[in-house]
N, C-alpha and C. Protein backbone atom coordinates (compact mmCIF):
# COMPACT_ATOMS: atom_id res chain seq x y z
N MET A 1 0.86 -0.85 0.11
CA MET A 1 0.04 0.56 0.31
C MET A 1 1.06 0.91 -0.16
N LYS A 2 1.90 1.24 0.98
CA LYS A 2 3.00 2.14 1.30
C LYS A 2 3.21 2.46 -0.42
N LYS A 3 3.52 1.34 -1.53
CA LYS A 3 4.47 2.08 -2.68
C LYS A 3 3.18 2.61 -3.53
N TYR A 4 1.71 1.86 -3.30
CA TYR A 4 0.94 2.78 -4.07
C TYR A 4 1.18 4.66 -3.67
N LYS A 5 0.93 4.96 -2.76
CA LYS A 5 0.85 6.45 -2.25
C LYS A 5 2.13 7.12 -2.18
N LEU A 6 2.98 6.08 -2.83
CA LEU A 6 4.56 7.78 -3.30
C LEU A 6 4.42 7.49 -4.40
N ASN A 7 3.61 6.68 -5.47
CA ASN A 7 4.20 7.11 -6.81
C ASN A 7 3.17 8.00 -6.94
N PHE A 8 2.03 7.63 -5.78
CA PHE A 8 0.73 8.75 -6.20
C PHE A 8 1.20 10.11 -5.71
N LEU A 9 1.40 10.17 -4.75
CA LEU A 9 2.23 11.92 -4.16
C LEU A 9 3.89 12.19 -5.59
N THR A 10 4.03 11.45 -5.91
CA THR A 10 4.84 11.28 -6.94
C THR A 10 4.34 12.67 -8.65
N ILE A 11 3.16 11.36 -8.58
CA ILE A 11 3.46 12.41 -9.55
C ILE A 11 2.35 13.25 -9.60
N LEU A 12 1.85 13.58 -8.31
CA LEU A 12 0.66 14.61 -7.65
C LEU A 12 2.33 15.89 -7.61
N LEU A 13 3.38 15.13 -7.68
CA LEU A 13 4.40 16.37 -7.72
C LEU A 13 4.87 17.12 -8.87
N LEU A 14 4.57 16.01 -9.55
CA LEU A 14 5.33 16.31 -10.98
C LEU A 14 4.33 17.08 -11.80
N ILE A 15 2.83 16.88 -11.42
CA ILE A 15 1.72 17.77 -12.43
C ILE A 15 1.94 19.32 -12.78
N PRO A 16 2.30 19.80 -11.44
CA PRO A 16 2.89 21.79 -11.44
C PRO A 16 4.00 21.91 -12.21
N MET A 17 5.15 20.77 -12.46
CA MET A 17 6.80 20.94 -12.51
C MET A 17 5.81 20.94 -14.39
N PHE A 18 5.33 20.10 -15.52
CA PHE A 18 4.62 19.83 -15.88
C PHE A 18 3.41 20.86 -16.92
N ALA A 19 3.38 21.65 -15.74
CA ALA A 19 2.18 22.86 -15.91
C ALA A 19 3.17 24.41 -16.15
N ILE A 20 4.27 24.11 -15.86
CA ILE A 20 4.70 25.89 -15.95
C ILE A 20 5.26 26.42 -16.90
N GLY A 21 5.33 27.56 -17.69
CA GLY A 21 5.59 28.14 -18.63
C GLY A 21 5.37 27.08 -20.00
N GLN A 22 5.94 27.40 -21.12
CA GLN A 22 5.64 26.67 -22.45
C GLN A 22 4.60 27.35 -23.04
N ILE A 23 3.46 28.70 -22.76
CA ILE A 23 2.68 28.69 -23.06
C ILE A 23 2.48 29.98 -22.55
N PRO A 24 2.64 31.07 -24.48
CA PRO A 24 2.43 32.44 -23.86
C PRO A 24 0.94 33.02 -23.68
N LYS A 25 1.60 34.30 -22.57
CA LYS A 25 0.37 34.46 -21.82
C LYS A 25 -0.34 35.06 -22.00
N GLY A 26 -1.64 34.50 -21.99
CA GLY A 26 -3.60 35.10 -22.81
C GLY A 26 -3.61 33.83 -23.65
N HIS A 27 -3.13 32.57 -23.56
CA HIS A 27 -3.36 31.45 -25.00
C HIS A 27 -3.11 30.66 -24.63
N PHE A 28 -3.69 29.64 -24.68
CA PHE A 28 -3.86 28.36 -24.45
C PHE A 28 -4.25 27.51 -25.34
N LEU A 29 -4.15 25.76 -24.38
CA LEU A 29 -3.85 25.02 -25.86
C LEU A 29 -5.59 24.08 -25.36
N ASP A 30 -5.27 23.19 -26.52
CA ASP A 30 -6.78 23.05 -26.85
C ASP A 30 -6.31 21.77 -27.46
N ALA A 31 -6.92 19.94 -27.68
CA ALA A 31 -6.99 19.37 -28.39
C ALA A 31 -7.88 18.92 -30.16
N ASP A 32 -7.63 19.36 -30.34
CA ASP A 32 -8.33 19.06 -31.63
C ASP A 32 -7.64 18.15 -32.56
N ASP A 33 -8.59 17.79 -33.27
CA ASP A 33 -8.09 16.26 -34.47
C ASP A 33 -6.88 16.69 -35.31
N SER A 34 -6.74 18.43 -35.31
CA SER A 34 -5.69 18.86 -36.45
C SER A 34 -4.62 18.81 -35.78
N ALA A 35 -4.72 18.12 -34.97
CA ALA A 35 -2.93 18.48 -34.56
C ALA A 35 -2.34 17.27 -34.72
N GLU A 36 -1.27 17.15 -35.11
CA GLU A 36 -0.20 15.85 -36.00
C GLU A 36 -0.63 14.84 -33.89
N LYS A 37 0.17 15.41 -32.90
CA LYS A 37 0.31 14.99 -31.67
C LYS A 37 -0.40 15.40 -30.42
N GLY A 38 -0.88 14.93 -29.12
CA GLY A 38 -1.02 16.24 -28.51
C GLY A 38 -2.04 17.18 -28.43
N TYR A 39 -1.59 18.36 -28.07
CA TYR A 39 -2.39 19.43 -27.64
C TYR A 39 -1.17 20.61 -28.71
N LYS A 40 -2.53 21.69 -29.30
CA LYS A 40 -2.12 22.34 -30.39
C LYS A 40 -3.06 23.95 -29.64
N LEU A 41 -2.11 25.05 -29.79
CA LEU A 41 -1.94 26.25 -28.99
C LEU A 41 -2.95 26.62 -30.42
N LYS A 42 -4.20 27.44 -29.86
CA LYS A 42 -4.91 27.73 -29.88
C LYS A 42 -5.36 29.51 -30.27
N PRO A 43 -5.06 29.80 -31.00
CA PRO A 43 -4.93 31.19 -31.13
C PRO A 43 -6.76 32.19 -30.71
N PHE A 44 -6.16 33.27 -30.23
CA PHE A 44 -7.63 33.69 -30.39
C PHE A 44 -7.63 35.30 -29.83
N LYS A 45 -8.75 36.09 -29.97
CA LYS A 45 -8.45 37.09 -28.79
C LYS A 45 -8.72 37.44 -27.73
N GLN A 46 -7.49 38.38 -27.40
CA GLN A 46 -7.63 38.55 -25.99
C GLN A 46 -8.66 39.78 -25.73
N LYS A 47 -9.68 39.06 -25.05
CA LYS A 47 -10.92 40.27 -25.09
C LYS A 47 -10.34 41.64 -24.26
N LYS A 48 -9.83 41.49 -23.76
CA LYS A 48 -9.37 41.92 -22.14
C LYS A 48 -8.84 43.13 -22.68
N GLU A 49 -7.52 42.94 -23.75
CA GLU A 49 -6.78 44.33 -23.74
C GLU A 49 -7.29 44.09 -25.78
N GLY A 50 -8.40 43.32 -26.26
CA GLY A 50 -8.54 43.77 -27.75
C GLY A 50 -7.35 43.28 -28.91
N ILE A 51 -6.00 42.35 -28.24
CA ILE A 51 -5.31 42.51 -29.07
C ILE A 51 -5.76 40.83 -29.44
N TYR A 52 -5.38 40.90 -31.21
CA TYR A 52 -5.72 39.93 -31.85
C TYR A 52 -3.91 39.02 -31.85
N HIS A 53 -4.26 37.79 -32.12
CA HIS A 53 -3.38 36.55 -32.27
C HIS A 53 -3.20 37.14 -33.62
N TYR A 54 -2.15 36.84 -34.76
CA TYR A 54 -1.39 36.94 -35.89
C TYR A 54 -1.86 35.90 -37.09
N ALA A 55 -2.68 34.65 -35.94
CA ALA A 55 -2.97 33.78 -37.22
C ALA A 55 -4.02 34.27 -38.18
N ILE A 56 -4.83 34.79 -36.91
CA ILE A 56 -6.02 34.57 -37.42
C ILE A 56 -6.80 36.05 -37.68
N LEU A 57 -5.75 37.34 -37.53
CA LEU A 57 -6.05 38.61 -39.43
C LEU A 57 -6.11 38.03 -40.18
N THR A 58 -7.26 38.93 -40.89
CA THR A 58 -7.70 38.78 -42.72
C THR A 58 -6.11 39.96 -43.29
N GLU A 59 -5.91 40.85 -42.37
CA GLU A 59 -4.66 41.52 -43.27
C GLU A 59 -3.71 41.87 -42.07
N LEU A 60 -2.51 40.93 -42.35
CA LEU A 60 -1.50 40.91 -41.96
C LEU A 60 -0.76 42.79 -41.42
N PRO A 61 -0.35 42.91 -40.44
CA PRO A 61 0.27 44.34 -39.86
C PRO A 61 1.51 44.10 -41.00
N PHE A 62 1.94 43.56 -42.16
CA PHE A 62 3.19 44.10 -42.74
C PHE A 62 2.99 43.61 -44.17
N GLU A 63 3.32 43.69 -44.84
CA GLU A 63 3.95 43.08 -46.10
C GLU A 63 4.34 42.21 -46.12
N ASN A 64 3.73 40.84 -46.59
CA ASN A 64 3.89 39.16 -46.53
C ASN A 64 3.56 39.17 -48.33
N ASP A 65 4.23 37.51 -48.53
CA ASP A 65 3.77 36.78 -49.63
C ASP A 65 3.68 35.49 -49.69
N CYS A 66 2.68 35.76 -48.48
CA CYS A 66 2.12 34.90 -47.86
C CYS A 66 -0.06 33.86 -49.23
N GLU A 67 -0.03 33.69 -50.14
CA GLU A 67 -1.22 32.96 -50.16
C GLU A 67 -2.71 32.90 -50.00
N SER A 68 -3.52 33.11 -49.80
CA SER A 68 -4.88 33.49 -49.33
C SER A 68 -5.19 31.89 -49.94
N GLY A 69 -6.02 31.20 -48.41
CA GLY A 69 -7.04 30.28 -48.89
C GLY A 69 -5.86 29.13 -48.36
N ILE A 70 -4.44 29.38 -47.52
CA ILE A 70 -3.78 28.09 -46.85
C ILE A 70 -4.45 27.76 -45.49
N SER A 71 -3.80 26.91 -44.94
CA SER A 71 -4.22 26.50 -43.80
C SER A 71 -3.61 27.46 -42.96
N GLU A 72 -4.34 26.91 -41.32
CA GLU A 72 -3.61 27.82 -40.20
C GLU A 72 -2.23 27.80 -39.93
N LYS A 73 -1.86 26.23 -39.81
CA LYS A 73 -0.81 25.55 -40.03
C LYS A 73 0.53 26.90 -41.01
N GLU A 74 -0.39 26.34 -42.16
CA GLU A 74 0.91 27.18 -43.18
C GLU A 74 0.98 29.11 -43.25
N GLN A 75 0.12 29.59 -43.10
CA GLN A 75 -0.44 30.99 -42.89
C GLN A 75 0.62 31.32 -41.45
N ILE A 76 0.49 30.73 -40.14
CA ILE A 76 1.52 31.39 -39.26
C ILE A 76 2.63 31.08 -39.92
N ALA A 77 3.39 29.74 -40.07
CA ALA A 77 4.63 29.30 -40.82
C ALA A 77 4.64 30.53 -41.92
N CYS A 78 4.17 30.70 -42.75
CA CYS A 78 4.35 31.88 -43.71
C CYS A 78 4.35 33.48 -43.61
N ALA A 79 3.76 33.69 -42.17
CA ALA A 79 3.81 34.86 -41.79
C ALA A 79 5.32 35.60 -40.50
N GLU A 80 6.04 33.77 -40.90
CA GLU A 80 6.35 33.93 -39.36
C GLU A 80 7.64 34.02 -40.24
N LYS A 81 7.58 33.64 -41.12
CA LYS A 81 9.44 33.70 -42.63
C LYS A 81 9.25 34.61 -42.60
N ASN A 82 7.64 35.73 -43.05
CA ASN A 82 8.37 37.00 -43.68
C ASN A 82 8.66 37.70 -42.49
N LEU A 83 8.02 37.70 -41.18
CA LEU A 83 8.79 38.44 -40.02
C LEU A 83 9.65 37.89 -39.76
N ASN A 84 10.64 37.22 -39.85
CA ASN A 84 12.14 36.39 -39.46
C ASN A 84 12.70 37.65 -40.89
N GLY A 85 12.25 37.43 -42.23
CA GLY A 85 12.79 37.92 -43.14
C GLY A 85 13.17 40.12 -42.82
N LEU A 86 12.10 40.33 -42.36
CA LEU A 86 12.03 42.05 -42.17
C LEU A 86 13.41 42.51 -41.21
N ILE A 87 12.77 41.22 -39.75
CA ILE A 87 14.42 41.61 -39.25
C ILE A 87 15.18 41.54 -39.40
N SER A 88 15.56 40.18 -40.03
CA SER A 88 16.84 39.96 -40.35
C SER A 88 17.16 41.57 -41.98
N GLU A 89 16.71 41.51 -42.60
CA GLU A 89 17.21 43.40 -43.58
C GLU A 89 17.77 43.76 -42.59
N ASN A 90 17.22 44.24 -41.36
CA ASN A 90 17.90 45.21 -40.05
C ASN A 90 18.74 44.61 -39.70
N LEU A 91 19.33 43.74 -40.10
CA LEU A 91 20.84 43.27 -39.04
C LEU A 91 21.55 43.52 -39.89
N ASN A 92 23.26 43.74 -39.24
CA ASN A 92 24.64 43.49 -40.02
C ASN A 92 24.95 41.88 -39.83
N SER A 93 25.28 41.25 -40.34
CA SER A 93 25.47 39.58 -40.22
C SER A 93 26.61 39.45 -39.74
N GLU A 94 27.74 40.56 -39.12
CA GLU A 94 28.96 40.52 -38.51
C GLU A 94 28.77 39.97 -36.93
N SER A 95 27.43 39.67 -36.47
CA SER A 95 27.04 38.52 -35.49
C SER A 95 27.68 37.50 -35.09
N LYS A 96 28.94 37.04 -33.63
CA LYS A 96 28.85 36.04 -33.36
C LYS A 96 28.14 35.21 -32.79
N TYR A 97 27.60 35.64 -32.78
CA TYR A 97 26.02 35.00 -31.72
C TYR A 97 25.43 33.59 -32.14
N LYS A 98 25.76 32.42 -31.59
CA LYS A 98 25.07 31.72 -31.78
C LYS A 98 24.01 30.58 -31.06
N GLY A 99 22.53 30.33 -31.00
CA GLY A 99 21.57 30.52 -30.41
C GLY A 99 20.32 30.78 -31.32
N ASN A 100 19.17 31.21 -30.18
CA ASN A 100 17.62 31.05 -30.32
C ASN A 100 17.51 32.38 -29.95
N VAL A 101 16.24 33.01 -30.45
CA VAL A 101 16.15 34.75 -30.74
C VAL A 101 14.36 34.60 -30.74
N TYR A 102 13.91 35.42 -29.82
CA TYR A 102 12.49 35.03 -29.09
C TYR A 102 11.85 36.13 -29.65
N ILE A 103 11.12 36.67 -30.50
CA ILE A 103 10.58 38.34 -30.49
C ILE A 103 8.78 38.32 -30.40
N TYR A 104 8.63 39.25 -29.53
CA TYR A 104 7.04 39.20 -29.15
C TYR A 104 7.13 40.95 -29.07
N LEU A 105 6.14 41.44 -30.44
CA LEU A 105 5.84 42.49 -30.30
C LEU A 105 4.36 43.23 -30.62
N THR A 106 3.74 44.25 -30.38
CA THR A 106 2.48 44.72 -30.52
C THR A 106 2.35 45.50 -31.63
N VAL A 107 1.54 45.64 -32.84
CA VAL A 107 1.27 46.78 -33.17
C VAL A 107 -0.17 46.85 -33.20
N THR A 108 0.43 48.59 -32.67
CA THR A 108 -1.07 49.01 -32.66
C THR A 108 -1.80 49.64 -33.97
N GLU A 109 -3.31 49.97 -33.31
CA GLU A 109 -4.42 50.07 -34.66
C GLU A 109 -3.86 51.75 -35.54
N LYS A 110 -2.74 52.32 -35.21
CA LYS A 110 -1.82 53.32 -35.37
C LYS A 110 -0.78 53.10 -36.33
N ALA A 111 -0.53 51.86 -36.67
CA ALA A 111 0.40 51.43 -37.02
C ALA A 111 2.28 51.54 -36.38
N GLU A 112 1.63 51.37 -35.44
CA GLU A 112 2.95 51.86 -34.03
C GLU A 112 3.33 50.50 -33.62
N ILE A 113 4.31 50.67 -33.42
CA ILE A 113 5.54 48.88 -32.96
C ILE A 113 5.62 49.46 -31.63
N ILE A 114 4.66 48.74 -30.96
CA ILE A 114 5.19 48.87 -29.03
C ILE A 114 5.60 47.61 -28.63
N ASP A 115 5.48 47.23 -26.77
CA ASP A 115 5.65 46.21 -26.32
C ASP A 115 6.43 45.28 -26.81
N ILE A 116 7.95 45.55 -27.21
CA ILE A 116 8.51 44.95 -27.61
C ILE A 116 9.87 43.89 -26.43
N LYS A 117 9.07 42.68 -26.93
CA LYS A 117 10.19 41.05 -25.66
C LYS A 117 10.75 40.35 -26.29
N VAL A 118 12.11 40.48 -26.62
CA VAL A 118 13.13 40.15 -27.17
C VAL A 118 14.21 39.30 -25.86
N LYS A 119 14.19 37.43 -26.22
CA LYS A 119 14.45 36.88 -25.10
C LYS A 119 15.21 35.92 -25.89
N SER A 120 16.87 35.86 -25.49
CA SER A 120 18.27 34.71 -26.11
C SER A 120 18.07 33.82 -25.19
N TYR A 121 18.30 32.52 -26.24
CA TYR A 121 19.12 30.99 -25.62
C TYR A 121 20.17 31.02 -26.64
N PRO A 122 21.43 31.09 -26.07
CA PRO A 122 21.92 31.21 -24.47
C PRO A 122 21.66 32.55 -23.88
N GLN A 123 21.25 33.48 -23.24
CA GLN A 123 20.98 34.98 -22.99
C GLN A 123 22.54 36.04 -22.93
N SER A 124 22.37 37.13 -23.79
CA SER A 124 23.11 37.78 -24.39
C SER A 124 21.89 39.08 -24.21
N ASN A 125 22.55 40.19 -23.35
CA ASN A 125 21.72 40.96 -23.85
C ASN A 125 22.42 42.26 -25.12
N GLU A 126 23.41 41.51 -25.76
CA GLU A 126 23.89 42.26 -26.16
C GLU A 126 23.74 42.23 -27.65
N ILE A 127 22.47 40.59 -28.22
CA ILE A 127 21.68 40.05 -28.54
C ILE A 127 20.68 40.63 -28.98
N ASP A 128 19.80 41.12 -27.62
CA ASP A 128 18.18 41.12 -27.44
C ASP A 128 18.99 42.76 -28.12
N MET A 129 19.55 43.47 -27.17
CA MET A 129 19.22 45.19 -28.47
C MET A 129 19.15 45.13 -29.50
N ILE A 130 20.28 44.72 -29.98
CA ILE A 130 20.08 44.47 -31.26
C ILE A 130 19.64 44.19 -32.36
N ILE A 131 19.02 42.93 -31.67
CA ILE A 131 17.59 42.54 -32.54
C ILE A 131 16.26 43.88 -31.59
N LYS A 132 16.30 43.98 -30.92
CA LYS A 132 15.25 45.05 -30.99
C LYS A 132 15.17 46.11 -31.37
N LYS A 133 16.57 46.58 -31.83
CA LYS A 133 16.81 47.96 -32.59
C LYS A 133 15.87 47.14 -33.67
N ALA A 134 16.51 46.29 -34.85
CA ALA A 134 16.18 46.41 -35.46
C ALA A 134 14.59 45.81 -35.76
N THR A 135 14.02 45.41 -34.97
CA THR A 135 12.04 45.15 -34.66
C THR A 135 11.56 46.26 -34.91
N GLU A 136 12.67 46.91 -34.45
CA GLU A 136 11.72 48.58 -33.78
C GLU A 136 11.65 49.13 -34.98
N GLN A 137 12.67 49.49 -36.54
CA GLN A 137 12.63 49.53 -37.67
C GLN A 137 12.01 49.15 -38.56
N ILE A 138 11.38 48.59 -38.49
CA ILE A 138 10.32 47.67 -39.22
C ILE A 138 9.15 48.01 -39.80
N ASN A 139 8.76 48.56 -41.07
CA ASN A 139 7.87 49.06 -41.14
C ASN A 139 6.33 47.96 -41.54
N VAL A 140 5.49 49.30 -40.46
CA VAL A 140 4.53 47.81 -40.56
C VAL A 140 2.72 49.05 -40.75
N ARG A 141 1.92 48.78 -40.48
CA ARG A 141 0.48 48.69 -41.05
C ARG A 141 -1.03 48.56 -40.57
N PRO A 142 -1.50 48.97 -39.82
CA PRO A 142 -2.53 48.68 -38.98
C PRO A 142 -2.93 47.13 -39.67
N ALA A 143 -3.07 46.16 -38.58
CA ALA A 143 -3.54 44.85 -38.74
C ALA A 143 -5.15 44.96 -39.37
N LYS A 144 -5.98 44.20 -39.87
CA LYS A 144 -6.96 43.83 -39.67
C LYS A 144 -7.81 42.72 -39.73
N TYR A 145 -8.59 42.56 -39.10
CA TYR A 145 -9.90 41.14 -38.35
C TYR A 145 -10.96 41.93 -39.30
N LYS A 146 -11.35 40.98 -40.01
CA LYS A 146 -12.92 41.12 -40.80
C LYS A 146 -12.90 42.53 -41.29
N LYS A 147 -12.07 42.97 -41.33
CA LYS A 147 -12.43 44.36 -42.24
C LYS A 147 -12.35 45.68 -41.57
N LYS A 148 -11.88 45.29 -40.07
CA LYS A 148 -11.83 45.89 -38.80
C LYS A 148 -10.54 46.64 -38.37
N VAL A 149 -9.57 47.74 -38.18
CA VAL A 149 -8.33 47.52 -38.23
C VAL A 149 -8.29 47.41 -36.33
N VAL A 150 -7.67 46.11 -36.32
CA VAL A 150 -7.21 46.04 -34.43
C VAL A 150 -5.74 45.81 -34.60
N LYS A 151 -5.88 45.85 -32.92
CA LYS A 151 -4.38 45.71 -32.50
C LYS A 151 -3.64 44.52 -32.59
N SER A 152 -3.04 44.02 -33.22
CA SER A 152 -2.01 42.53 -32.78
C SER A 152 -0.68 42.50 -32.29
N ARG A 153 -0.75 41.25 -32.25
CA ARG A 153 0.68 40.57 -31.85
C ARG A 153 1.15 39.75 -31.93
N LEU A 154 2.75 39.88 -32.28
CA LEU A 154 2.88 38.63 -33.71
C LEU A 154 4.39 38.22 -32.32
N TRP A 155 4.35 37.55 -32.83
CA TRP A 155 6.02 36.51 -32.46
C TRP A 155 6.79 35.57 -33.38
N THR A 156 8.01 36.14 -32.96
CA THR A 156 8.70 34.76 -34.44
C THR A 156 10.69 34.41 -33.57
N LYS A 157 11.47 33.68 -33.99
CA LYS A 157 12.21 33.35 -33.83
C LYS A 157 12.62 33.07 -34.30
N LEU A 158 14.33 34.02 -34.14
CA LEU A 158 15.29 33.73 -35.03
C LEU A 158 16.62 32.61 -34.85
N GLU A 159 17.42 31.91 -35.89
CA GLU A 159 17.96 31.22 -34.82
C GLU A 159 19.39 31.39 -35.92
N PHE A 160 20.57 31.85 -35.30
CA PHE A 160 21.44 31.65 -35.36
C PHE A 160 22.64 30.45 -35.27
N GLU A 161 23.47 30.07 -36.09
CA GLU A 161 24.28 29.26 -36.20
C GLU A 161 25.67 29.43 -35.71
């Protein structure tokens, strides 16, 4: 009996460890048939702040070459690729940094970039500042959702090798 109590307590202790992190604030996980396996991150409108995730926008806030009528997964990949390209254009290629950099930004209804968050792994304050400055230089326009101008939240990942 003690063996089962110990296993049960171990499982109870591990559950919070698996639940911490990995999901951007204001988003949630949901199971559905379209997920390749397990759970899928479902984008949505943050009602409290009126922010729309870029995967559900009808018009992205930056120039892109994404085709219309593609799946949500393909649209996200295409939008991230275009956003990567816009940020990379503003970088000088002399950086010796090796790792991943995650960029989060909000585009307002007035086509202003605000709330830029940059996080590098391994941590480098120097690369964070360079990426933030490059992100501030992107030309954006207001995003649209069903022909209505909205505030949008974007994110992408840059990989340096």
